[in-house]
Amino acid sequence: MRDHLNRGRLGLTFALASSLLGACTSGGTGDTGAKTGTAGSQAGTAGASGTVGSAGTMGGSAGAQSTAGAGAAGAQGSAGVGGAAGASGGAGGTAGAGGTAGAQGTAGAGTAGATGTAGGGAGGTGTHVVRSIGCGMTPPVTQVLKTFVKYTETVANVPAVWMPRQYWVWLPDNYNANHPYPTVFVAPGCGGSGDMSIPIQNASGSDAIVVGLDYSSKATGRDCFNSEMYPDPEQNYIEATVEAVENAFCVDTSHQFIEGFSSGSWMAYLEGCVDSGPGGLFAGQGNATGNWQGSLPLTACKGPIAYMGSHNNPDPQAYNSYPGGRDNVLKLNGCTSPPVTTPYDPGPMVKPPNAGVTISCVQYMGCKAPTVFCTTTGLGHNDQVTTGISTYGFWKFWTSLP
């Protein structure tokens, strides 16, 4: 267990506000024999052996031409680079009196070796991969591939009402227990569920494990994550869930990401702050709407963290009518102030779902970690699934990280 998962926060004071702050949710054979020599008065002497053909770039070159009559076969051409050896040149023609030399055997047309295709299975998003404890372990018998399966856990160091929690795990169809996978933790909006949240698996496909997070209605008093205060017991829950997944499945712990919508986006901002940076749990975050806890200070952050956010303008939810969370990330990542931006291409799968929607994405300059933000119009309070930003856009951004 990593040290930062062992922090105890007994004695936290939790004053849950009664108002709802977050709305939901890839040699041919050489020709045989030479021609028969024409008639002559005297048999030609045996021709000397052909010299060895030099290596061809794709196939072996032919053996040199034998001299007259009954010439020995040209020696086999050396193997071409990446291809099979050319076949031996055929023997010179049978001697005839005063016969002319047997014709040279044609070079074996060595076919080039095919380029090796990439190894199958998911790879880490970058060159740096760190295997979790769960690598090599057989998944639980209840875990079905390409299906969200629910798990329960008891969270430590929080008041009793916050201890029982649940989460969901989705494994790709080619899951290999000895291959470390990038892993995405997804937090839904109010009224949502971890198994029916932002479908990042549509973009990641066979290349990632997906973990769905669930809020605790019993603890918060409503169908949302807690977003009122810091310290926040949700941090203990997310850290416990990360540890449980790392222990049971083969995770690339250097490429774990968290994203969320609305109430879930608050959790992504929380974890992007407190569990990021060198040695942190998350290498990147994605935010579809949502905001930053008012009581969460930048001094609590470990950052910087790779960040891609999105927000519709305007948003009917008054508490996040414009993305204050993004502005805090700009400070956390030490971006140029005042902000300097350049257009950012979120990929071909990100596009307006209809003529009434616009999308504009920019990347901020001078940041200690990649920082991207997309503004949409015509969507209202939205999870950005129909635009592809929170699925294909976020996945393209994360897989570009080292």
Protein backbone atom coordinates (compact mmCIF):
# COMPACT_ATOMS: atom_id res chain seq x y z
CA MET A 1 0.00 0.00 0.00
CA ARG A 2 1.41 3.31 -0.98
CA ASP A 3 2.12 5.77 1.82
CA HIS A 4 -0.35 8.35 0.62
CA LEU A 5 -3.17 5.82 1.00
CA ASN A 6 -2.36 5.38 4.70
CA ARG A 7 -3.31 8.82 5.82
CA GLY A 8 -5.67 8.72 8.77
CA ARG A 9 -8.30 11.33 9.00
CA LEU A 10 -10.08 10.27 12.19
CA GLY A 11 -11.78 13.11 13.90
CA LEU A 12 -12.89 14.82 10.69
CA THR A 13 -15.71 17.23 11.32
CA PHE A 14 -18.40 16.85 8.73
CA ALA A 15 -21.00 19.58 8.44
CA LEU A 16 -23.11 18.56 5.46
CA ALA A 17 -24.94 21.46 3.89
CA SER A 18 -28.63 20.86 3.30
CA SER A 19 -28.72 22.48 -0.10
CA LEU A 20 -27.92 20.64 -3.32
CA LEU A 21 -24.84 22.18 -4.92
CA GLY A 22 -24.36 19.79 -7.81
CA ALA A 23 -26.83 18.78 -10.43
CA CYS A 24 -26.53 15.47 -12.10
CA THR A 25 -25.11 14.02 -14.14
CA SER A 26 -1.31 -4.64 -38.56
CA GLY A 27 12.41 -16.66 -52.44
CA GLY A 28 11.13 -17.63 -55.35
CA THR A 29 12.98 -20.59 -56.72
CA GLY A 30 15.80 -19.88 -59.20
CA ASP A 31 15.12 -20.93 -62.75
CA THR A 32 16.32 -24.42 -63.46
CA GLY A 33 19.18 -25.46 -65.76
CA ALA A 34 20.92 -23.49 -68.49
CA LYS A 35 20.31 -23.90 -72.18
CA THR A 36 22.00 -26.76 -74.03
CA GLY A 37 25.19 -25.63 -75.78
CA THR A 38 25.26 -25.61 -79.59
CA ALA A 39 27.25 -28.30 -81.43
CA GLY A 40 31.07 -28.00 -81.63
CA SER A 41 34.02 -30.07 -82.46
CA GLN A 42 35.22 -30.57 -78.99
CA ALA A 43 33.59 -30.88 -75.60
CA GLY A 44 34.08 -27.89 -73.49
CA THR A 45 35.79 -28.31 -70.18
CA ALA A 46 33.78 -28.10 -67.04
CA GLY A 47 32.97 -24.60 -66.10
CA ALA A 48 34.11 -23.38 -62.73
CA SER A 49 31.55 -22.98 -60.00
CA GLY A 50 29.72 -19.75 -59.95
CA THR A 51 30.74 -17.43 -57.14
CA VAL A 52 28.41 -16.87 -54.24
CA GLY A 53 25.81 -14.28 -54.98
CA SER A 54 25.99 -11.27 -52.77
CA ALA A 55 23.11 -10.51 -50.47
CA GLY A 56 20.26 -8.64 -52.04
CA THR A 57 18.37 -6.04 -50.18
CA MET A 58 15.20 -8.05 -50.45
CA GLY A 59 16.25 -11.41 -52.00
CA GLY A 60 19.54 -13.20 -52.77
CA SER A 61 21.38 -12.32 -55.97
CA ALA A 62 22.07 -14.99 -58.56
CA GLY A 63 25.28 -17.02 -58.59
CA ALA A 64 27.69 -15.78 -61.28
CA GLN A 65 27.45 -17.32 -64.76
CA SER A 66 29.22 -20.66 -65.18
CA THR A 67 31.74 -20.97 -67.98
CA ALA A 68 31.10 -23.33 -70.86
CA GLY A 69 29.55 -26.73 -70.60
CA ALA A 70 28.64 -28.92 -67.63
CA GLY A 71 29.10 -26.01 -65.34
CA ALA A 72 28.55 -26.65 -61.66
CA ALA A 73 25.53 -25.03 -60.11
CA GLY A 74 25.91 -21.46 -58.98
CA ALA A 75 26.16 -21.26 -55.18
CA GLN A 76 23.07 -20.21 -53.29
CA GLY A 77 22.55 -16.48 -52.94
CA SER A 78 22.89 -15.14 -49.42
CA ALA A 79 19.72 -14.18 -47.59
CA GLY A 80 18.42 -10.75 -48.37
CA VAL A 81 17.78 -8.40 -45.47
CA GLY A 82 14.49 -9.39 -43.91
CA GLY A 83 13.91 -12.00 -46.64
CA ALA A 84 14.55 -15.69 -47.30
CA ALA A 85 17.69 -16.80 -49.10
CA GLY A 86 17.54 -16.91 -52.87
CA ALA A 87 17.52 -20.47 -54.23
CA SER A 88 20.69 -21.91 -55.76
CA GLY A 89 21.28 -21.15 -59.43
CA GLY A 90 20.63 -24.14 -61.72
CA ALA A 91 23.49 -26.17 -63.18
CA GLY A 92 25.14 -25.11 -66.47
CA GLY A 93 24.00 -27.00 -69.56
CA THR A 94 25.41 -30.38 -70.50
CA ALA A 95 28.68 -30.11 -72.39
CA GLY A 96 28.59 -29.90 -76.15
CA ALA A 97 31.58 -29.89 -78.40
CA GLY A 98 32.87 -26.38 -78.34
CA GLY A 99 29.65 -25.45 -76.69
CA THR A 100 28.96 -22.01 -75.44
CA ALA A 101 28.55 -21.39 -71.76
CA GLY A 102 25.43 -22.49 -70.04
CA ALA A 103 23.18 -19.56 -69.39
CA GLN A 104 23.22 -18.07 -65.94
CA GLY A 105 20.66 -19.36 -63.51
CA THR A 106 18.16 -16.68 -62.65
CA ALA A 107 18.41 -15.30 -59.14
CA GLY A 108 16.06 -16.71 -56.58
CA ALA A 109 13.52 -14.03 -55.99
CA GLY A 110 13.75 -13.91 -52.21
CA THR A 111 10.61 -12.41 -50.80
CA ALA A 112 11.07 -9.79 -48.11
CA GLY A 113 10.11 -10.86 -44.63
CA ALA A 114 6.84 -9.26 -43.65
CA THR A 115 6.93 -6.49 -41.13
CA GLY A 116 5.99 -7.80 -37.71
CA THR A 117 2.63 -6.55 -36.56
CA ALA A 118 2.20 -4.85 -33.22
CA GLY A 119 1.70 -7.09 -30.25
CA GLY A 120 -1.92 -7.48 -29.35
CA GLY A 121 -3.51 -6.28 -26.19
CA ALA A 122 -3.64 -2.96 -24.47
CA GLY A 123 -0.52 -1.05 -23.76
CA GLY A 124 0.33 1.68 -21.37
CA THR A 125 -0.43 5.11 -22.75
CA GLY A 126 3.23 6.06 -22.54
CA THR A 127 6.66 4.47 -22.27
CA HIS A 128 6.56 4.38 -18.47
CA VAL A 129 4.53 1.51 -17.00
CA VAL A 130 4.20 0.52 -13.33
CA ARG A 131 2.55 -2.81 -12.54
CA SER A 132 0.12 -3.06 -9.64
CA ILE A 133 -0.02 -5.81 -7.01
CA GLY A 134 -2.94 -7.38 -8.86
CA CYS A 135 -0.88 -8.24 -11.95
CA GLY A 136 -0.70 -12.03 -12.28
CA MET A 137 -3.78 -12.59 -10.15
CA THR A 138 -6.91 -14.29 -11.46
CA PRO A 139 -9.86 -11.88 -11.45
CA PRO A 140 -12.80 -12.68 -9.15
CA VAL A 141 -14.99 -15.42 -10.61
CA THR A 142 -17.92 -13.04 -10.66
CA GLN A 143 -16.15 -10.59 -12.95
CA VAL A 144 -17.49 -10.77 -16.51
CA LEU A 145 -15.61 -9.15 -19.37
CA LYS A 146 -17.12 -6.02 -20.94
CA THR A 147 -19.69 -5.87 -18.14
CA PHE A 148 -19.86 -3.61 -15.09
CA VAL A 149 -19.74 -5.78 -11.96
CA LYS A 150 -20.51 -4.30 -8.55
CA TYR A 151 -18.20 -4.65 -5.53
CA THR A 152 -18.67 -3.55 -1.93
CA GLU A 153 -16.03 -2.32 0.48
CA THR A 154 -15.62 -0.81 3.93
CA VAL A 155 -13.80 2.51 3.98
CA ALA A 156 -11.50 3.16 6.93
CA ASN A 157 -10.96 6.31 8.98
CA VAL A 158 -14.35 7.88 8.35
CA PRO A 159 -17.52 8.08 10.44
CA ALA A 160 -19.60 4.88 10.37
CA VAL A 161 -22.21 6.24 7.98
CA TRP A 162 -19.48 6.76 5.36
CA MET A 163 -17.89 3.30 5.73
CA PRO A 164 -20.05 1.03 3.52
CA ARG A 165 -19.49 1.90 -0.15
CA GLN A 166 -19.66 0.27 -3.55
CA TYR A 167 -17.97 0.59 -6.93
CA TRP A 168 -18.16 -1.07 -10.36
CA VAL A 169 -15.42 -2.68 -12.51
CA TRP A 170 -15.45 -3.09 -16.31
CA LEU A 171 -12.73 -5.20 -17.94
CA PRO A 172 -11.90 -5.12 -21.67
CA ASP A 173 -12.69 -8.18 -23.79
CA ASN A 174 -8.99 -9.12 -24.13
CA TYR A 175 -8.14 -8.68 -20.44
CA ASN A 176 -4.78 -10.28 -19.61
CA ALA A 177 -3.96 -10.60 -15.92
CA ASN A 178 -0.26 -10.17 -16.69
CA HIS A 179 -0.65 -6.98 -18.69
CA PRO A 180 -0.92 -3.63 -16.86
CA TYR A 181 -3.80 -1.51 -18.14
CA PRO A 182 -4.41 2.22 -17.90
CA THR A 183 -7.45 2.66 -15.66
CA VAL A 184 -10.16 5.32 -15.66
CA PHE A 185 -12.28 6.08 -12.59
CA VAL A 186 -15.61 7.65 -13.53
CA ALA A 187 -17.90 9.56 -11.17
CA PRO A 188 -21.55 10.15 -12.24
CA GLY A 189 -23.71 13.16 -11.62
CA CYS A 190 -26.57 13.33 -9.12
CA GLY A 191 -29.05 10.50 -9.67
CA GLY A 192 -26.50 8.53 -11.72
CA SER A 193 -24.72 5.25 -11.06
CA GLY A 194 -21.19 3.99 -11.57
CA ASP A 195 -22.33 1.43 -14.13
CA MET A 196 -24.27 3.97 -16.19
CA SER A 197 -22.09 7.06 -16.26
CA ILE A 198 -19.83 8.64 -18.89
CA PRO A 199 -19.12 5.65 -21.23
CA ILE A 200 -15.37 6.18 -21.55
CA GLN A 201 -15.08 2.51 -22.60
CA ASN A 202 -16.55 3.51 -25.96
CA ALA A 203 -13.30 5.38 -26.60
CA SER A 204 -10.77 3.27 -24.67
CA GLY A 205 -12.13 -0.04 -26.00
CA SER A 206 -9.73 -2.92 -25.26
CA ASP A 207 -7.05 -0.62 -23.89
CA ALA A 208 -8.26 0.24 -20.39
CA ILE A 209 -10.00 -0.88 -17.23
CA VAL A 210 -12.94 1.30 -16.23
CA VAL A 211 -14.08 1.76 -12.63
CA GLY A 212 -17.46 3.32 -11.87
CA LEU A 213 -17.77 5.23 -8.60
CA ASP A 214 -20.99 5.50 -6.56
CA TYR A 215 -22.10 8.18 -4.10
CA SER A 216 -23.66 7.23 -0.75
CA SER A 217 -27.17 8.61 -0.40
CA LYS A 218 -27.22 7.46 3.21
CA ALA A 219 -24.14 9.52 4.01
CA THR A 220 -24.96 12.64 2.01
CA GLY A 221 -28.72 12.66 2.45
CA ARG A 222 -29.27 12.94 -1.30
CA ASP A 223 -28.33 11.18 -4.55
CA CYS A 224 -25.07 13.07 -5.03
CA PHE A 225 -21.46 12.98 -3.92
CA ASN A 226 -20.47 15.21 -1.03
CA SER A 227 -19.10 18.51 -2.29
CA GLU A 228 -19.56 20.94 0.56
CA MET A 229 -16.39 20.75 2.57
CA TYR A 230 -12.79 19.81 2.94
CA PRO A 231 -11.49 17.55 4.47
CA ASP A 232 -13.91 15.33 2.54
CA PRO A 233 -14.68 11.67 3.34
CA GLU A 234 -15.08 11.08 -0.40
CA GLN A 235 -11.28 11.23 -0.62
CA ASN A 236 -11.02 8.19 1.67
CA TYR A 237 -13.57 6.35 -0.46
CA ILE A 238 -11.81 7.03 -3.76
CA GLU A 239 -8.39 6.15 -2.34
CA ALA A 240 -9.77 2.90 -0.87
CA THR A 241 -11.35 2.02 -4.21
CA VAL A 242 -8.12 2.70 -6.11
CA GLU A 243 -6.25 0.41 -3.71
CA ALA A 244 -8.85 -2.36 -4.01
CA VAL A 245 -8.74 -2.26 -7.82
CA GLU A 246 -4.94 -2.21 -7.91
CA ASN A 247 -4.86 -5.28 -5.62
CA ALA A 248 -7.36 -7.31 -7.64
CA PHE A 249 -6.59 -6.38 -11.25
CA CYS A 250 -3.52 -5.65 -13.39
CA VAL A 251 -3.32 -1.87 -13.39
CA ASP A 252 -0.68 0.45 -14.78
CA THR A 253 -0.50 2.66 -11.71
CA SER A 254 1.39 5.36 -13.61
CA HIS A 255 -1.58 5.86 -15.94
CA GLN A 256 -4.69 6.20 -13.82
CA PHE A 257 -7.21 8.91 -14.59
CA ILE A 258 -10.37 10.27 -13.00
CA GLU A 259 -13.28 12.02 -14.67
CA GLY A 260 -16.79 13.02 -13.73
CA PHE A 261 -19.90 14.90 -14.63
CA SER A 262 -21.52 17.57 -12.46
CA SER A 263 -21.47 16.19 -8.90
CA GLY A 264 -18.93 13.63 -10.12
CA SER A 265 -16.87 16.43 -11.62
CA TRP A 266 -16.53 17.92 -8.14
CA MET A 267 -14.92 14.59 -7.14
CA ALA A 268 -12.57 14.74 -10.12
CA TYR A 269 -11.50 18.24 -9.09
CA LEU A 270 -11.01 17.05 -5.51
CA GLU A 271 -8.84 14.09 -6.49
CA GLY A 272 -7.01 16.06 -9.16
CA CYS A 273 -5.94 18.32 -6.35
CA VAL A 274 -5.19 16.04 -3.39
CA ASP A 275 -4.04 12.84 -5.16
CA SER A 276 -2.08 14.17 -8.12
CA GLY A 277 1.50 15.27 -8.62
CA PRO A 278 4.66 13.14 -8.27
CA GLY A 279 3.81 9.86 -6.57
CA GLY A 280 0.11 10.64 -6.61
CA LEU A 281 -2.69 8.33 -7.65
CA PHE A 282 -3.82 10.12 -10.78
CA ALA A 283 -1.86 11.17 -13.86
CA GLY A 284 -4.72 13.13 -15.32
CA GLN A 285 -8.27 14.31 -14.81
CA GLY A 286 -11.27 15.11 -16.99
CA ASN A 287 -14.12 17.39 -15.99
CA ALA A 288 -17.46 17.65 -17.72
CA THR A 289 -19.20 20.52 -15.98
CA GLY A 290 -18.98 20.82 -12.20
CA ASN A 291 -16.88 23.02 -10.00
CA TRP A 292 -14.30 23.25 -7.21
CA GLN A 293 -15.21 22.95 -3.54
CA GLY A 294 -15.20 26.37 -2.01
CA SER A 295 -13.39 25.10 1.08
CA LEU A 296 -10.73 23.15 -0.87
CA PRO A 297 -7.55 25.26 -0.68
CA LEU A 298 -4.84 25.13 -3.31
CA THR A 299 -2.42 24.44 -0.48
CA ALA A 300 -4.03 20.99 -0.15
CA CYS A 301 -3.05 20.13 -3.73
CA LYS A 302 -0.04 18.04 -4.69
CA GLY A 303 -0.26 18.90 -8.42
CA PRO A 304 0.37 19.81 -11.09
CA ILE A 305 -1.87 17.44 -13.03
CA ALA A 306 -2.73 16.94 -16.71
CA TYR A 307 -6.18 18.44 -17.10
CA MET A 308 -8.88 18.56 -19.75
CA GLY A 309 -12.16 20.19 -18.88
CA SER A 310 -15.35 21.08 -20.69
CA HIS A 311 -18.31 23.26 -19.90
CA ASN A 312 -21.31 24.64 -21.68
CA ASN A 313 -21.84 28.39 -21.56
CA PRO A 314 -24.28 29.31 -20.25
CA ASP A 315 -25.14 26.65 -17.69
CA PRO A 316 -28.53 26.85 -15.97
CA GLN A 317 -27.00 25.63 -12.71
CA ALA A 318 -26.18 28.84 -10.89
CA TYR A 319 -23.44 27.31 -8.76
CA ASN A 320 -21.22 26.68 -11.79
CA SER A 321 -22.44 29.17 -14.36
CA TYR A 322 -18.82 29.41 -15.46
CA PRO A 323 -15.91 27.06 -14.70
CA GLY A 324 -14.20 28.30 -11.57
CA GLY A 325 -12.62 24.84 -11.29
CA ARG A 326 -10.67 25.46 -14.48
CA ASP A 327 -9.34 28.73 -13.09
CA ASN A 328 -8.03 26.96 -9.98
CA VAL A 329 -6.32 24.33 -12.15
CA LEU A 330 -4.62 27.11 -14.11
CA LYS A 331 -3.14 28.31 -10.82
CA LEU A 332 -2.31 24.78 -9.67
CA ASN A 333 -0.51 24.04 -12.96
CA GLY A 334 1.32 27.37 -12.93
CA CYS A 335 0.05 28.42 -16.35
CA THR A 336 0.90 31.80 -17.81
CA SER A 337 -1.02 34.62 -16.19
CA PRO A 338 -2.86 36.29 -17.73
CA PRO A 339 -3.78 33.18 -19.72
CA VAL A 340 -2.25 32.62 -23.16
CA THR A 341 -3.91 29.97 -25.32
CA THR A 342 -3.57 28.19 -28.64
CA PRO A 343 -6.26 26.19 -30.48
CA TYR A 344 -6.47 22.53 -29.49
CA ASP A 345 -7.73 19.68 -31.69
CA PRO A 346 -9.69 17.16 -29.58
CA GLY A 347 -9.78 14.66 -32.46
CA PRO A 348 -12.13 13.65 -35.29
CA MET A 349 -14.63 11.98 -32.98
CA VAL A 350 -15.40 15.25 -31.20
CA LYS A 351 -18.02 17.24 -33.09
CA PRO A 352 -21.29 19.08 -32.52
CA PRO A 353 -24.25 16.67 -32.34
CA ASN A 354 -26.45 19.14 -34.22
CA ALA A 355 -26.41 22.53 -35.90
CA GLY A 356 -27.31 24.34 -32.68
CA VAL A 357 -24.11 23.33 -30.85
CA THR A 358 -20.63 24.85 -31.09
CA ILE A 359 -17.32 23.54 -29.71
CA SER A 360 -14.16 25.55 -29.08
CA CYS A 361 -11.09 23.97 -27.45
CA VAL A 362 -7.86 25.67 -26.39
CA GLN A 363 -4.62 24.64 -24.70
CA TYR A 364 -3.07 26.91 -22.12
CA MET A 365 0.57 27.93 -22.41
CA GLY A 366 3.35 27.95 -19.84
CA CYS A 367 1.76 25.21 -17.72
CA LYS A 368 3.67 22.60 -15.72
CA ALA A 369 1.28 19.95 -17.05
CA PRO A 370 -0.86 19.87 -20.22
CA THR A 371 -3.97 21.97 -19.65
CA VAL A 372 -6.89 22.00 -22.09
CA PHE A 373 -10.39 23.42 -21.93
CA CYS A 374 -13.37 23.14 -24.28
CA THR A 375 -16.33 25.50 -24.26
CA THR A 376 -19.61 24.48 -25.87
CA THR A 377 -22.84 26.30 -26.54
CA GLY A 378 -26.36 24.99 -27.00
CA LEU A 379 -26.16 22.09 -24.54
CA GLY A 380 -27.01 23.44 -21.10
CA HIS A 381 -25.95 21.39 -18.07
CA ASN A 382 -24.39 18.52 -20.01
CA ASP A 383 -22.07 15.53 -19.60
CA GLN A 384 -20.50 16.19 -23.04
CA VAL A 385 -21.11 12.60 -24.20
CA THR A 386 -23.02 13.65 -27.31
CA THR A 387 -20.13 15.88 -28.39
CA GLY A 388 -17.59 13.12 -27.68
CA ILE A 389 -15.51 15.46 -25.49
CA SER A 390 -15.84 13.44 -22.28
CA THR A 391 -15.14 10.13 -24.07
CA TYR A 392 -13.04 10.34 -27.25
CA GLY A 393 -11.68 13.78 -26.40
CA PHE A 394 -10.55 12.90 -22.88
CA TRP A 395 -9.11 9.55 -24.01
CA LYS A 396 -7.10 11.17 -26.84
CA PHE A 397 -5.76 13.71 -24.36
CA TRP A 398 -4.77 11.11 -21.74
CA THR A 399 -3.14 8.76 -24.25
CA SER A 400 -0.95 11.62 -25.45
CA LEU A 401 0.69 11.83 -22.02
CA PRO A 402 4.15 10.25 -21.47
